[in-house]
Amino acid sequence: DFTDEEFDNTRRYLINLVNGVEDSPSSLISWYFAGRCCGDDISPEEHICRLEKLTREDIIEAARSFSLDTVYVMEADGEGEDAEEDDDE
C-alpha cells in the first residue's frame, strides 16, 4: 500500500532522473545502448511521457502480477562486529 504523495514523489523523482540523461553525451549513449539491449528503444522524452501517464492503478496491477519465489532467512554465524561486542560483555 502506498499514498498518493508517495506515488507522486516517486514519479517526479523518476522523471528527474530521465531528464538528467540528456545532460551528457555519455549518459545519452548509455540510455540508448541499454534500451537497444532490452528491446525498449525509446527516447528519454517518450519515457517521460509514459511516466506521466502512469496511474496508481497501473502500479497496483503490476504489483499483483508478481509472485513470491524465494524466501531467505539470515542468521548471524558468530563472526563479525556484533559477535565481538557480545564476547566483550
Protein backbone atom coordinates (compact mmCIF):
# COMPACT_ATOMS: atom_id res chain seq x y z
CA ASP A 1 0.00 0.00 0.00
CA PHE A 2 1.27 3.50 -0.78
CA THR A 3 -0.06 7.01 -0.53
CA ASP A 4 -0.81 9.37 -3.40
CA GLU A 5 2.01 11.57 -2.11
CA GLU A 6 4.49 8.67 -2.27
CA PHE A 7 3.33 7.86 -5.78
CA ASP A 8 3.65 11.47 -6.96
CA ASN A 9 7.06 11.92 -5.31
CA THR A 10 8.37 8.71 -6.86
CA ARG A 11 7.09 9.63 -10.31
CA ARG A 12 8.68 13.11 -10.07
CA TYR A 13 11.95 11.51 -8.93
CA LEU A 14 11.99 9.12 -11.90
CA ILE A 15 11.15 11.93 -14.34
CA ASN A 16 14.04 13.99 -12.94
CA LEU A 17 16.37 11.02 -13.37
CA VAL A 18 15.35 10.61 -17.00
CA ASN A 19 15.70 14.36 -17.60
CA GLY A 20 19.28 14.09 -16.34
CA VAL A 21 20.13 11.59 -19.08
CA GLU A 22 20.32 14.42 -21.59
CA ASP A 23 22.92 16.28 -19.52
CA SER A 24 25.85 14.48 -21.09
CA PRO A 25 26.60 12.64 -24.33
CA SER A 26 27.85 9.57 -22.44
CA SER A 27 24.58 9.33 -20.49
CA LEU A 28 22.61 9.52 -23.72
CA ILE A 29 24.76 6.81 -25.30
CA SER A 30 24.22 4.60 -22.25
CA TRP A 31 20.46 5.27 -22.38
CA TYR A 32 20.10 4.20 -26.00
CA PHE A 33 22.50 1.26 -25.63
CA ALA A 34 20.54 -0.10 -22.65
CA GLY A 35 17.27 0.45 -24.50
CA ARG A 36 18.54 -1.38 -27.55
CA CYS A 37 19.78 -4.29 -25.42
CA CYS A 38 16.45 -4.54 -23.56
CA GLY A 39 14.31 -4.18 -26.66
CA ASP A 40 12.73 -0.93 -25.45
CA ASP A 41 14.40 1.55 -27.77
CA ILE A 42 12.56 4.78 -26.85
CA SER A 43 13.77 8.31 -26.33
CA PRO A 44 14.03 9.87 -22.88
CA GLU A 45 11.15 12.16 -23.88
CA GLU A 46 8.90 9.19 -24.70
CA HIS A 47 9.86 7.52 -21.42
CA ILE A 48 8.86 10.68 -19.54
CA CYS A 49 5.51 10.70 -21.38
CA ARG A 50 4.95 7.11 -20.25
CA LEU A 51 5.81 8.02 -16.66
CA GLU A 52 3.42 10.99 -16.76
CA LYS A 53 0.59 8.72 -17.96
CA LEU A 54 1.27 6.10 -15.29
CA THR A 55 -1.52 5.75 -12.76
CA ARG A 56 -1.77 4.42 -9.24
CA GLU A 57 -3.90 1.57 -10.64
CA ASP A 58 -1.11 0.65 -13.11
CA ILE A 59 1.29 0.20 -10.19
CA ILE A 60 -1.19 -1.86 -8.18
CA GLU A 61 -1.90 -4.09 -11.19
CA ALA A 62 1.81 -4.61 -11.83
CA ALA A 63 2.44 -5.43 -8.15
CA ARG A 64 -0.33 -8.03 -8.20
CA SER A 65 1.33 -9.77 -11.14
CA PHE A 66 4.40 -10.65 -9.04
CA SER A 67 4.60 -13.91 -7.14
CA LEU A 68 6.86 -14.83 -4.26
CA ASP A 69 9.57 -17.16 -5.49
CA THR A 70 12.17 -17.50 -2.74
CA VAL A 71 12.38 -16.62 0.93
CA TYR A 72 15.74 -16.19 2.63
CA VAL A 73 16.40 -16.25 6.36
CA MET A 74 19.61 -14.58 7.50
CA GLU A 75 21.25 -15.56 10.77
CA ALA A 76 24.44 -14.42 12.47
CA ASP A 77 27.15 -17.05 12.41
CA GLY A 78 29.10 -15.77 15.41
CA GLU A 79 31.54 -13.72 13.37
CA GLY A 80 31.75 -10.00 12.73
CA GLU A 81 31.37 -6.84 14.77
CA ASP A 82 28.26 -7.89 16.69
CA ALA A 83 29.82 -11.16 17.76
CA GLU A 84 32.91 -9.36 19.07
CA GLU A 85 30.76 -6.95 21.10
CA ASP A 86 28.86 -9.86 22.64
CA ASP A 87 32.14 -11.54 23.65
CA ASP A 88 33.32 -8.40 25.47
CA GLU A 89 30.24 -8.26 27.71
